[in-house]
Amino acid sequence: MAAVSRGLISYIRNVSLNPNQTLRAPITNYFIRNFSSDVLINHNDEIDVSNRIIEAKSRVMTPNSRRTGVIAVKCGMTALWDKWGARVPITILWLDENIVSQVKTPEKEGITALQIGCGHKKEKHLTKPEVGHFRAQGVPLKRKLREFPVTEDALLPLGTQIGVRHFVPGQYVDVTGITKGKGFQGVMKRWGFSGGPASHGASLSHRSGGSTGQRDAPGKVFKGRKMPGRMGGKQRTVKNVWVYKIDPARNLMWVRGQVPGNEGNFVFIKDAWYKKPDISMLPFPTYFSTDDEDVTSLEPIVADLGATDPFMAAD
């Protein structure tokens, strides 16, 4: 479809005033407007689409570089005692064969990002568009996909495997997941209200929320009032989670504290935004293992706790 616009009048005026003017574009471009989602193209300029070659090799990380994140499965919580005897609450995360399932570049998608796939899934449990996506990229069928924005120097080739050695013990990470669903809950459980009196002066209002507003002025309940409602089941990010230990042989990672979600849920891990790690200690854009390296024989790596006993230093 096309529509004639005011450009036709401008074109006739320009021709009448400058009859010897050379047109830089076809005549129809001056007064015909196409109704489509195509981007307007200048036919005089050549489109330069560079053939980007992404190599799987280590590079130098800059302060502005941004690495990709990974997808992990929450295995549960436990507790460990470090070498000084301090008890450390631990959440165990399993990186289930993370690979790069799609590379997005400015020339094609307009952004620089990596799509990471985790786990395995049978073809009969996937939709046809999902199967077509994996077949087009030439990667195995994955259970979970997640896109992570990266800088151009952190792009990885398609099919690159990302293991737990992508992170270094002692650094901080941000963990995103879906919190546990609690269902419809009252104000005491949902918002921590103290509730009403337990005995005197209370009649069937021990756990109620109390008053929700005033009288005629303003004559309404303000937005944002804490009331009973559905609790949990939302995406939340726990920031500055400390990496205590990694196990390259089993692709396990121990982090201090809690992370969102139930056991068996997927969580998304990336470098901490506030407590940024030292760029000199991080493998960039990821860790590439050598051909002669036997991953199954590697020992777990624990974060450096220092040479001073914290209990003795307190005295």
C-alpha atoms as a PDB file:
ATOM      1  CA  MET A   1       0.000   0.000   0.000  1.00  0.00           C
ATOM      2  CA  ALA A   2       1.105   3.521  -0.675  1.00  0.00           C
ATOM      3  CA  ALA A   3      -0.362   6.980  -0.141  1.00  0.00           C
ATOM      4  CA  VAL A   4       0.354  10.274  -1.901  1.00  0.00           C
ATOM      5  CA  SER A   5       1.502  12.901   0.622  1.00  0.00           C
ATOM      6  CA  ARG A   6       2.336  16.593   0.625  1.00  0.00           C
ATOM      7  CA  GLY A   7       5.725  15.684  -0.808  1.00  0.00           C
ATOM      8  CA  LEU A   8       4.178  15.783  -4.288  1.00  0.00           C
ATOM      9  CA  ILE A   9       3.470  19.520  -3.916  1.00  0.00           C
ATOM     10  CA  SER A  10       7.026  20.157  -2.703  1.00  0.00           C
ATOM     11  CA  TYR A  11       8.396  18.164  -5.595  1.00  0.00           C
ATOM     12  CA  ILE A  12       6.420  20.176  -8.207  1.00  0.00           C
ATOM     13  CA  ARG A  13       7.530  23.417  -6.557  1.00  0.00           C
ATOM     14  CA  ASN A  14      11.204  22.375  -6.617  1.00  0.00           C
ATOM     15  CA  VAL A  15      11.016  21.339 -10.265  1.00  0.00           C
ATOM     16  CA  SER A  16       9.364  24.599 -11.289  1.00  0.00           C
ATOM     17  CA  LEU A  17      11.935  26.730  -9.463  1.00  0.00           C
ATOM     18  CA  ASN A  18      15.004  24.625 -10.353  1.00  0.00           C
ATOM     19  CA  PRO A  19      14.341  22.832 -13.637  1.00  0.00           C
ATOM     20  CA  ASN A  20      18.025  21.839 -14.039  1.00  0.00           C
ATOM     21  CA  GLN A  21      18.271  20.241 -10.582  1.00  0.00           C
ATOM     22  CA  THR A  22      19.518  16.653 -10.511  1.00  0.00           C
ATOM     23  CA  LEU A  23      17.476  14.359  -8.298  1.00  0.00           C
ATOM     24  CA  ARG A  24      19.446  12.242  -5.806  1.00  0.00           C
ATOM     25  CA  ALA A  25      16.671   9.641  -5.476  1.00  0.00           C
ATOM     26  CA  PRO A  26      13.801   8.290  -7.569  1.00  0.00           C
ATOM     27  CA  ILE A  27      10.886  10.640  -8.078  1.00  0.00           C
ATOM     28  CA  THR A  28       8.475   8.403  -6.191  1.00  0.00           C
ATOM     29  CA  ASN A  29      10.558   8.721  -3.036  1.00  0.00           C
ATOM     30  CA  TYR A  30       9.564  12.395  -2.771  1.00  0.00           C
ATOM     31  CA  PHE A  31       5.818  11.905  -2.522  1.00  0.00           C
ATOM     32  CA  ILE A  32       5.048   8.214  -1.874  1.00  0.00           C
ATOM     33  CA  ARG A  33       5.072   6.894   1.659  1.00  0.00           C
ATOM     34  CA  ASN A  34       5.149   3.136   2.201  1.00  0.00           C
ATOM     35  CA  PHE A  35       3.048   1.708   4.999  1.00  0.00           C
ATOM     36  CA  SER A  36       5.330  -1.064   6.214  1.00  0.00           C
ATOM     37  CA  SER A  37       7.709  -1.904   9.032  1.00  0.00           C
ATOM     38  CA  ASP A  38      10.765  -1.759   6.770  1.00  0.00           C
ATOM     39  CA  VAL A  39      13.483   0.661   7.736  1.00  0.00           C
ATOM     40  CA  LEU A  40      13.949   3.633   5.417  1.00  0.00           C
ATOM     41  CA  ILE A  41      17.043   3.004   3.299  1.00  0.00           C
ATOM     42  CA  ASN A  42      19.151   5.558   1.513  1.00  0.00           C
ATOM     43  CA  HIS A  43      19.763   4.000  -1.878  1.00  0.00           C
ATOM     44  CA  ASN A  44      22.845   6.156  -2.485  1.00  0.00           C
ATOM     45  CA  ASP A  45      24.686   4.831   0.568  1.00  0.00           C
ATOM     46  CA  GLU A  46      26.103   1.334   0.555  1.00  0.00           C
ATOM     47  CA  ILE A  47      25.144  -0.877   3.458  1.00  0.00           C
ATOM     48  CA  ASP A  48      28.267  -2.039   5.245  1.00  0.00           C
ATOM     49  CA  VAL A  49      27.644  -5.274   7.127  1.00  0.00           C
ATOM     50  CA  SER A  50      30.916  -6.495   8.521  1.00  0.00           C
ATOM     51  CA  ASN A  51      31.529 -10.204   8.727  1.00  0.00           C
ATOM     52  CA  ARG A  52      32.178 -10.472  12.438  1.00  0.00           C
ATOM     53  CA  ILE A  53      34.409 -13.375  13.444  1.00  0.00           C
ATOM     54  CA  ILE A  54      34.068 -14.381  17.093  1.00  0.00           C
ATOM     55  CA  GLU A  55      36.944 -16.487  18.359  1.00  0.00           C
ATOM     56  CA  ALA A  56      37.039 -18.651  21.472  1.00  0.00           C
ATOM     57  CA  LYS A  57      40.131 -17.167  23.068  1.00  0.00           C
ATOM     58  CA  SER A  58      41.023 -15.239  26.182  1.00  0.00           C
ATOM     59  CA  ARG A  59      41.036 -11.463  25.997  1.00  0.00           C
ATOM     60  CA  VAL A  60      41.937  -8.507  28.183  1.00  0.00           C
ATOM     61  CA  MET A  61      39.052  -7.340  30.365  1.00  0.00           C
ATOM     62  CA  THR A  62      38.486  -3.617  30.760  1.00  0.00           C
ATOM     63  CA  PRO A  63      36.538  -1.809  33.515  1.00  0.00           C
ATOM     64  CA  ASN A  64      33.680  -1.296  31.048  1.00  0.00           C
ATOM     65  CA  SER A  65      33.548  -4.938  29.951  1.00  0.00           C
ATOM     66  CA  ARG A  66      30.482  -6.960  30.850  1.00  0.00           C
ATOM     67  CA  ARG A  67      30.620 -10.748  30.907  1.00  0.00           C
ATOM     68  CA  THR A  68      27.753 -13.123  30.312  1.00  0.00           C
ATOM     69  CA  GLY A  69      25.825 -14.787  33.105  1.00  0.00           C
ATOM     70  CA  VAL A  70      24.913 -18.447  33.570  1.00  0.00           C
ATOM     71  CA  ILE A  71      21.873 -20.549  34.433  1.00  0.00           C
ATOM     72  CA  ALA A  72      21.997 -22.804  37.495  1.00  0.00           C
ATOM     73  CA  VAL A  73      19.710 -25.199  39.338  1.00  0.00           C
ATOM     74  CA  LYS A  74      19.162 -24.633  43.049  1.00  0.00           C
ATOM     75  CA  CYS A  75      20.018 -27.894  44.815  1.00  0.00           C
ATOM     76  CA  GLY A  76      19.266 -26.798  48.372  1.00  0.00           C
ATOM     77  CA  MET A  77      20.876 -25.352  51.498  1.00  0.00           C
ATOM     78  CA  THR A  78      23.317 -26.666  54.058  1.00  0.00           C
ATOM     79  CA  ALA A  79      25.986 -25.324  56.405  1.00  0.00           C
ATOM     80  CA  LEU A  80      29.774 -25.608  56.407  1.00  0.00           C
ATOM     81  CA  TRP A  81      32.510 -24.684  58.844  1.00  0.00           C
ATOM     82  CA  ASP A  82      35.509 -22.866  57.399  1.00  0.00           C
ATOM     83  CA  LYS A  83      39.092 -23.386  58.469  1.00  0.00           C
ATOM     84  CA  TRP A  84      38.664 -20.937  61.366  1.00  0.00           C
ATOM     85  CA  GLY A  85      35.628 -22.756  62.741  1.00  0.00           C
ATOM     86  CA  ALA A  86      33.034 -20.197  61.652  1.00  0.00           C
ATOM     87  CA  ARG A  87      29.702 -21.566  60.496  1.00  0.00           C
ATOM     88  CA  VAL A  88      28.810 -20.523  56.935  1.00  0.00           C
ATOM     89  CA  PRO A  89      25.222 -20.962  55.624  1.00  0.00           C
ATOM     90  CA  ILE A  90      25.540 -22.356  52.124  1.00  0.00           C
ATOM     91  CA  THR A  91      23.322 -22.681  49.049  1.00  0.00           C
ATOM     92  CA  ILE A  92      24.479 -25.228  46.480  1.00  0.00           C
ATOM     93  CA  LEU A  93      23.962 -24.362  42.798  1.00  0.00           C
ATOM     94  CA  TRP A  94      24.483 -26.722  39.870  1.00  0.00           C
ATOM     95  CA  LEU A  95      25.496 -25.421  36.423  1.00  0.00           C
ATOM     96  CA  ASP A  96      23.914 -28.060  34.184  1.00  0.00           C
ATOM     97  CA  GLU A  97      25.910 -27.915  30.924  1.00  0.00           C
ATOM     98  CA  ASN A  98      25.526 -24.256  29.997  1.00  0.00           C
ATOM     99  CA  ILE A  99      26.253 -23.496  26.333  1.00  0.00           C
ATOM    100  CA  VAL A 100      25.878 -20.480  24.062  1.00  0.00           C
ATOM    101  CA  SER A 101      22.717 -21.211  22.069  1.00  0.00           C
ATOM    102  CA  GLN A 102      22.543 -17.913  20.141  1.00  0.00           C
ATOM    103  CA  VAL A 103      24.798 -14.929  19.496  1.00  0.00           C
ATOM    104  CA  LYS A 104      23.143 -11.551  18.931  1.00  0.00           C
ATOM    105  CA  THR A 105      25.185  -8.862  17.180  1.00  0.00           C
ATOM    106  CA  PRO A 106      24.490  -5.223  16.254  1.00  0.00           C
ATOM    107  CA  GLU A 107      24.550  -6.073  12.533  1.00  0.00           C
ATOM    108  CA  LYS A 108      21.628  -8.487  12.767  1.00  0.00           C
ATOM    109  CA  GLU A 109      19.646  -7.964  15.979  1.00  0.00           C
ATOM    110  CA  GLY A 110      20.854  -4.480  16.876  1.00  0.00           C
ATOM    111  CA  ILE A 111      22.211  -5.538  20.291  1.00  0.00           C
ATOM    112  CA  THR A 112      25.148  -7.455  21.705  1.00  0.00           C
ATOM    113  CA  ALA A 113      23.900 -10.333  23.822  1.00  0.00           C
ATOM    114  CA  LEU A 114      24.360 -14.048  24.375  1.00  0.00           C
ATOM    115  CA  GLN A 115      21.552 -16.544  24.774  1.00  0.00           C
ATOM    116  CA  ILE A 116      22.548 -19.297  27.204  1.00  0.00           C
ATOM    117  CA  GLY A 117      20.913 -22.722  27.292  1.00  0.00           C
ATOM    118  CA  CYS A 118      20.879 -25.044  30.290  1.00  0.00           C
ATOM    119  CA  GLY A 119      19.871 -28.668  30.878  1.00  0.00           C
ATOM    120  CA  HIS A 120      18.387 -31.173  28.447  1.00  0.00           C
ATOM    121  CA  LYS A 121      14.891 -31.724  27.111  1.00  0.00           C
ATOM    122  CA  LYS A 122      13.348 -34.214  24.726  1.00  0.00           C
ATOM    123  CA  GLU A 123      11.994 -33.053  21.409  1.00  0.00           C
ATOM    124  CA  LYS A 124       8.486 -34.285  22.217  1.00  0.00           C
ATOM    125  CA  HIS A 125       8.394 -31.928  25.218  1.00  0.00           C
ATOM    126  CA  LEU A 126       9.251 -28.847  23.133  1.00  0.00           C
ATOM    127  CA  THR A 127       7.085 -26.809  20.801  1.00  0.00           C
ATOM    128  CA  LYS A 128       7.834 -26.760  17.082  1.00  0.00           C
ATOM    129  CA  PRO A 129       9.127 -23.159  17.141  1.00  0.00           C
ATOM    130  CA  GLU A 130      11.512 -24.090  19.959  1.00  0.00           C
ATOM    131  CA  VAL A 131      12.777 -27.151  18.081  1.00  0.00           C
ATOM    132  CA  GLY A 132      13.205 -25.031  14.943  1.00  0.00           C
ATOM    133  CA  HIS A 133      15.220 -22.481  16.899  1.00  0.00           C
ATOM    134  CA  PHE A 134      17.652 -25.115  18.186  1.00  0.00           C
ATOM    135  CA  ARG A 135      17.932 -26.753  14.757  1.00  0.00           C
ATOM    136  CA  ALA A 136      18.636 -23.413  13.079  1.00  0.00           C
ATOM    137  CA  GLN A 137      21.399 -22.639  15.571  1.00  0.00           C
ATOM    138  CA  GLY A 138      22.801 -26.165  15.415  1.00  0.00           C
ATOM    139  CA  VAL A 139      22.894 -26.683  19.187  1.00  0.00           C
ATOM    140  CA  PRO A 140      21.434 -29.453  21.400  1.00  0.00           C
ATOM    141  CA  LEU A 141      17.916 -29.144  22.759  1.00  0.00           C
ATOM    142  CA  LYS A 142      17.942 -27.237  26.021  1.00  0.00           C
ATOM    143  CA  ARG A 143      15.496 -27.057  28.882  1.00  0.00           C
ATOM    144  CA  LYS A 144      15.965 -23.406  29.859  1.00  0.00           C
ATOM    145  CA  LEU A 145      17.058 -20.353  27.875  1.00  0.00           C
ATOM    146  CA  ARG A 146      18.138 -16.950  29.104  1.00  0.00           C
ATOM    147  CA  GLU A 147      19.559 -13.899  27.349  1.00  0.00           C
ATOM    148  CA  PHE A 148      22.372 -11.923  28.964  1.00  0.00           C
ATOM    149  CA  PRO A 149      23.470  -8.515  27.603  1.00  0.00           C
ATOM    150  CA  VAL A 150      27.236  -8.322  27.113  1.00  0.00           C
ATOM    151  CA  THR A 151      29.761  -5.954  25.628  1.00  0.00           C
ATOM    152  CA  GLU A 152      31.206  -6.603  22.192  1.00  0.00           C
ATOM    153  CA  ASP A 153      34.525  -7.815  23.567  1.00  0.00           C
ATOM    154  CA  ALA A 154      32.705 -10.458  25.664  1.00  0.00           C
ATOM    155  CA  LEU A 155      30.949 -12.231  22.770  1.00  0.00           C
ATOM    156  CA  LEU A 156      31.483 -15.995  22.554  1.00  0.00           C
ATOM    157  CA  PRO A 157      31.157 -18.374  19.598  1.00  0.00           C
ATOM    158  CA  LEU A 158      28.027 -20.449  19.174  1.00  0.00           C
ATOM    159  CA  GLY A 159      28.134 -23.690  21.144  1.00  0.00           C
ATOM    160  CA  THR A 160      30.775 -22.554  23.662  1.00  0.00           C
ATOM    161  CA  GLN A 161      30.444 -24.406  26.956  1.00  0.00           C
ATOM    162  CA  ILE A 162      30.433 -22.337  30.151  1.00  0.00           C
ATOM    163  CA  GLY A 163      31.376 -24.125  33.335  1.00  0.00           C
ATOM    164  CA  VAL A 164      31.571 -23.217  36.978  1.00  0.00           C
ATOM    165  CA  ARG A 165      35.125 -21.889  36.505  1.00  0.00           C
ATOM    166  CA  HIS A 166      33.500 -18.896  34.836  1.00  0.00           C
ATOM    167  CA  PHE A 167      33.389 -17.561  38.420  1.00  0.00           C
ATOM    168  CA  VAL A 168      36.198 -17.271  40.950  1.00  0.00           C
ATOM    169  CA  PRO A 169      35.833 -18.142  44.660  1.00  0.00           C
ATOM    170  CA  GLY A 170      35.822 -14.980  46.715  1.00  0.00           C
ATOM    171  CA  GLN A 171      33.984 -12.807  44.198  1.00  0.00           C
ATOM    172  CA  TYR A 172      30.442 -11.478  44.577  1.00  0.00           C
ATOM    173  CA  VAL A 173      27.549 -12.335  42.256  1.00  0.00           C
ATOM    174  CA  ASP A 174      23.897 -11.344  41.794  1.00  0.00           C
ATOM    175  CA  VAL A 175      21.422 -14.229  41.791  1.00  0.00           C
ATOM    176  CA  THR A 176      17.949 -13.844  40.221  1.00  0.00           C
ATOM    177  CA  GLY A 177      15.085 -16.305  40.619  1.00  0.00           C
ATOM    178  CA  ILE A 178      11.376 -16.785  41.279  1.00  0.00           C
ATOM    179  CA  THR A 179      10.576 -16.697  44.985  1.00  0.00           C
ATOM    180  CA  LYS A 180       8.595 -19.422  46.710  1.00  0.00           C
ATOM    181  CA  GLY A 181       4.853 -19.009  46.276  1.00  0.00           C
ATOM    182  CA  LYS A 182       3.003 -18.656  49.598  1.00  0.00           C
ATOM    183  CA  GLY A 183      -0.516 -18.210  48.267  1.00  0.00           C
ATOM    184  CA  PHE A 184      -3.003 -15.703  49.714  1.00  0.00           C
ATOM    185  CA  GLN A 185      -1.654 -14.504  53.068  1.00  0.00           C
ATOM    186  CA  GLY A 186      -2.648 -11.984  55.709  1.00  0.00           C
ATOM    187  CA  VAL A 187      -0.863  -8.830  56.726  1.00  0.00           C
ATOM    188  CA  MET A 188       1.042 -10.437  59.609  1.00  0.00           C
ATOM    189  CA  LYS A 189       2.774 -13.003  57.413  1.00  0.00           C
ATOM    190  CA  ARG A 190       2.944 -10.891  54.258  1.00  0.00           C
ATOM    191  CA  TRP A 191       4.071  -7.560  55.712  1.00  0.00           C
ATOM    192  CA  GLY A 192       5.115  -8.366  59.273  1.00  0.00           C
ATOM    193  CA  PHE A 193       2.292  -6.533  61.048  1.00  0.00           C
ATOM    194  CA  SER A 194       2.136  -7.069  64.819  1.00  0.00           C
ATOM    195  CA  GLY A 195      -1.603  -7.723  64.784  1.00  0.00           C
ATOM    196  CA  GLY A 196      -4.191  -6.755  67.409  1.00  0.00           C
ATOM    197  CA  PRO A 197      -4.329  -7.539  71.132  1.00  0.00           C
ATOM    198  CA  ALA A 198      -4.317 -11.221  71.986  1.00  0.00           C
ATOM    199  CA  SER A 199      -6.969 -10.989  74.721  1.00  0.00           C
ATOM    200  CA  HIS A 200      -8.465  -7.755  76.067  1.00  0.00           C
ATOM    201  CA  GLY A 201     -10.364  -5.453  73.751  1.00  0.00           C
ATOM    202  CA  ALA A 202     -10.138  -7.661  70.665  1.00  0.00           C
ATOM    203  CA  SER A 203     -13.033  -9.584  69.212  1.00  0.00           C
ATOM    204  CA  LEU A 204     -12.195 -11.742  66.194  1.00  0.00           C
ATOM    205  CA  SER A 205      -9.558  -9.200  65.119  1.00  0.00           C
ATOM    206  CA  HIS A 206      -6.340 -10.661  66.497  1.00  0.00           C
ATOM    207  CA  ARG A 207      -4.610 -10.916  63.110  1.00  0.00           C
ATOM    208  CA  SER A 208      -6.452  -8.220  61.175  1.00  0.00           C
ATOM    209  CA  GLY A 209      -4.776  -5.296  59.462  1.00  0.00           C
ATOM    210  CA  GLY A 210      -6.687  -2.606  61.318  1.00  0.00           C
ATOM    211  CA  SER A 211      -7.837   0.630  59.721  1.00  0.00           C
ATOM    212  CA  THR A 212      -7.125   1.168  56.029  1.00  0.00           C
ATOM    213  CA  GLY A 213      -7.869   4.889  55.798  1.00  0.00           C
ATOM    214  CA  GLN A 214      -9.684   7.919  57.219  1.00  0.00           C
ATOM    215  CA  ARG A 215     -13.224   9.318  56.979  1.00  0.00           C
ATOM    216  CA  ASP A 216     -14.656  11.780  54.449  1.00  0.00           C
ATOM    217  CA  ALA A 217     -11.262  13.376  53.950  1.00  0.00           C
ATOM    218  CA  PRO A 218      -9.800  11.981  51.772  1.00  0.00           C
ATOM    219  CA  GLY A 219     -12.620   9.453  51.506  1.00  0.00           C
ATOM    220  CA  LYS A 220     -10.518   6.788  49.799  1.00  0.00           C
ATOM    221  CA  VAL A 221      -7.803   4.207  50.388  1.00  0.00           C
ATOM    222  CA  PHE A 222      -4.427   5.401  49.175  1.00  0.00           C
ATOM    223  CA  LYS A 223      -2.578   3.337  46.606  1.00  0.00           C
ATOM    224  CA  GLY A 224       0.151   1.136  47.976  1.00  0.00           C
ATOM    225  CA  ARG A 225      -1.664   0.328  51.200  1.00  0.00           C
ATOM    226  CA  LYS A 226      -0.324  -2.923  52.671  1.00  0.00           C
ATOM    227  CA  MET A 227      -3.179  -5.401  52.712  1.00  0.00           C
ATOM    228  CA  PRO A 228      -3.693  -9.158  52.505  1.00  0.00           C
ATOM    229  CA  GLY A 229      -2.962 -10.656  49.114  1.00  0.00           C
ATOM    230  CA  ARG A 230      -0.921 -13.088  47.121  1.00  0.00           C
ATOM    231  CA  MET A 231       2.557 -13.567  48.511  1.00  0.00           C
ATOM    232  CA  GLY A 232       5.640 -14.818  46.685  1.00  0.00           C
ATOM    233  CA  GLY A 233       5.971 -16.201  43.194  1.00  0.00           C
ATOM    234  CA  LYS A 234       7.751 -13.088  41.886  1.00  0.00           C
ATOM    235  CA  GLN A 235      11.137 -12.508  40.316  1.00  0.00           C
ATOM    236  CA  ARG A 236      13.614 -11.173  42.824  1.00  0.00           C
ATOM    237  CA  THR A 237      17.369 -10.590  42.786  1.00  0.00           C
ATOM    238  CA  VAL A 238      19.650 -11.155  45.767  1.00  0.00           C
ATOM    239  CA  LYS A 239      22.677  -8.907  45.327  1.00  0.00           C
ATOM    240  CA  ASN A 240      26.257  -9.329  46.513  1.00  0.00           C
ATOM    241  CA  VAL A 241      26.191 -13.069  47.151  1.00  0.00           C
ATOM    242  CA  TRP A 242      29.651 -14.330  48.110  1.00  0.00           C
ATOM    243  CA  VAL A 243      31.071 -17.338  46.246  1.00  0.00           C
ATOM    244  CA  TYR A 244      32.560 -19.639  48.885  1.00  0.00           C
ATOM    245  CA  LYS A 245      33.669 -22.639  46.830  1.00  0.00           C
ATOM    246  CA  ILE A 246      33.433 -24.165  43.343  1.00  0.00           C
ATOM    247  CA  ASP A 247      33.784 -27.790  42.216  1.00  0.00           C
ATOM    248  CA  PRO A 248      34.819 -27.958  38.531  1.00  0.00           C
ATOM    249  CA  ALA A 249      34.505 -31.757  38.416  1.00  0.00           C
ATOM    250  CA  ARG A 250      30.776 -31.659  39.202  1.00  0.00           C
ATOM    251  CA  ASN A 251      29.990 -28.096  38.070  1.00  0.00           C
ATOM    252  CA  LEU A 252      28.797 -27.170  41.554  1.00  0.00           C
ATOM    253  CA  MET A 253      29.054 -23.805  43.250  1.00  0.00           C
ATOM    254  CA  TRP A 254      28.688 -22.996  46.941  1.00  0.00           C
ATOM    255  CA  VAL A 255      27.453 -19.484  47.753  1.00  0.00           C
ATOM    256  CA  ARG A 256      26.902 -17.913  51.156  1.00  0.00           C
ATOM    257  CA  GLY A 257      23.336 -17.192  52.201  1.00  0.00           C
ATOM    258  CA  GLN A 258      19.995 -17.763  50.525  1.00  0.00           C
ATOM    259  CA  VAL A 259      18.864 -17.354  46.947  1.00  0.00           C
ATOM    260  CA  PRO A 260      15.279 -17.106  45.629  1.00  0.00           C
ATOM    261  CA  GLY A 261      13.266 -20.165  44.654  1.00  0.00           C
ATOM    262  CA  ASN A 262      12.485 -23.737  45.593  1.00  0.00           C
ATOM    263  CA  GLU A 263      14.841 -26.651  45.257  1.00  0.00           C
ATOM    264  CA  GLY A 264      15.081 -27.609  41.606  1.00  0.00           C
ATOM    265  CA  ASN A 265      14.226 -24.137  40.310  1.00  0.00           C
ATOM    266  CA  PHE A 266      16.399 -22.270  37.842  1.00  0.00           C
ATOM    267  CA  VAL A 267      18.350 -19.230  38.977  1.00  0.00           C
ATOM    268  CA  PHE A 268      20.411 -16.799  36.918  1.00  0.00           C
ATOM    269  CA  ILE A 269      23.881 -15.808  38.098  1.00  0.00           C
ATOM    270  CA  LYS A 270      25.984 -12.896  36.902  1.00  0.00           C
ATOM    271  CA  ASP A 271      28.798 -10.723  38.208  1.00  0.00           C
ATOM    272  CA  ALA A 272      27.756  -8.410  41.027  1.00  0.00           C
ATOM    273  CA  TRP A 273      26.785  -4.912  39.974  1.00  0.00           C
ATOM    274  CA  TYR A 274      27.677  -3.107  43.207  1.00  0.00           C
ATOM    275  CA  LYS A 275      30.558  -5.150  44.636  1.00  0.00           C
ATOM    276  CA  LYS A 276      32.324  -5.548  41.333  1.00  0.00           C
ATOM    277  CA  PRO A 277      35.024  -8.222  41.273  1.00  0.00           C
ATOM    278  CA  ASP A 278      38.638  -7.517  40.473  1.00  0.00           C
ATOM    279  CA  ILE A 279      38.936  -7.733  36.688  1.00  0.00           C
ATOM    280  CA  SER A 280      42.460  -9.136  36.973  1.00  0.00           C
ATOM    281  CA  MET A 281      41.188 -12.316  38.672  1.00  0.00           C
ATOM    282  CA  LEU A 282      38.275 -13.083  36.325  1.00  0.00           C
ATOM    283  CA  PRO A 283      38.607 -15.263  33.204  1.00  0.00           C
ATOM    284  CA  PHE A 284      37.485 -13.166  30.252  1.00  0.00           C
ATOM    285  CA  PRO A 285      35.221 -13.627  28.388  1.00  0.00           C
ATOM    286  CA  THR A 286      35.015 -17.033  30.106  1.00  0.00           C
ATOM    287  CA  TYR A 287      37.270 -19.869  31.185  1.00  0.00           C
ATOM    288  CA  PHE A 288      38.617 -21.983  28.320  1.00  0.00           C
ATOM    289  CA  SER A 289      39.961 -25.382  29.358  1.00  0.00           C
ATOM    290  CA  THR A 290      42.957 -26.886  27.591  1.00  0.00           C
ATOM    291  CA  ASP A 291      42.757 -30.050  25.512  1.00  0.00           C
ATOM    292  CA  ASP A 292      44.878 -32.096  27.912  1.00  0.00           C
ATOM    293  CA  GLU A 293      43.010 -30.990  31.058  1.00  0.00           C
ATOM    294  CA  ASP A 294      41.142 -33.739  32.909  1.00  0.00           C
ATOM    295  CA  VAL A 295      38.180 -31.971  34.487  1.00  0.00           C
ATOM    296  CA  THR A 296      37.087 -35.029  36.507  1.00  0.00           C
ATOM    297  CA  SER A 297      40.347 -35.025  38.480  1.00  0.00           C
ATOM    298  CA  LEU A 298      40.164 -31.377  39.570  1.00  0.00           C
ATOM    299  CA  GLU A 299      39.792 -30.604  43.264  1.00  0.00           C
ATOM    300  CA  PRO A 300      37.313 -28.068  44.669  1.00  0.00           C
ATOM    301  CA  ILE A 301      38.596 -24.499  44.964  1.00  0.00           C
ATOM    302  CA  VAL A 302      37.823 -22.598  48.181  1.00  0.00           C
ATOM    303  CA  ALA A 303      37.912 -18.833  48.629  1.00  0.00           C
ATOM    304  CA  ASP A 304      40.926 -17.331  50.358  1.00  0.00           C
ATOM    305  CA  LEU A 305      39.971 -16.628  53.978  1.00  0.00           C
ATOM    306  CA  GLY A 306      43.199 -14.886  54.895  1.00  0.00           C
ATOM    307  CA  ALA A 307      45.961 -15.805  57.322  1.00  0.00           C
ATOM    308  CA  THR A 308      44.466 -14.155  60.400  1.00  0.00           C
ATOM    309  CA  ASP A 309      42.046 -15.963  62.689  1.00  0.00           C
ATOM    310  CA  PRO A 310      39.003 -13.654  63.000  1.00  0.00           C
ATOM    311  CA  PHE A 311      38.242 -14.970  66.498  1.00  0.00           C
ATOM    312  CA  MET A 312      41.754 -14.219  67.726  1.00  0.00           C
ATOM    313  CA  ALA A 313      41.779 -10.810  66.052  1.00  0.00           C
ATOM    314  CA  ALA A 314      38.633  -9.849  67.993  1.00  0.00           C
ATOM    315  CA  ASP A 315      40.461 -10.389  71.280  1.00  0.00           C
END
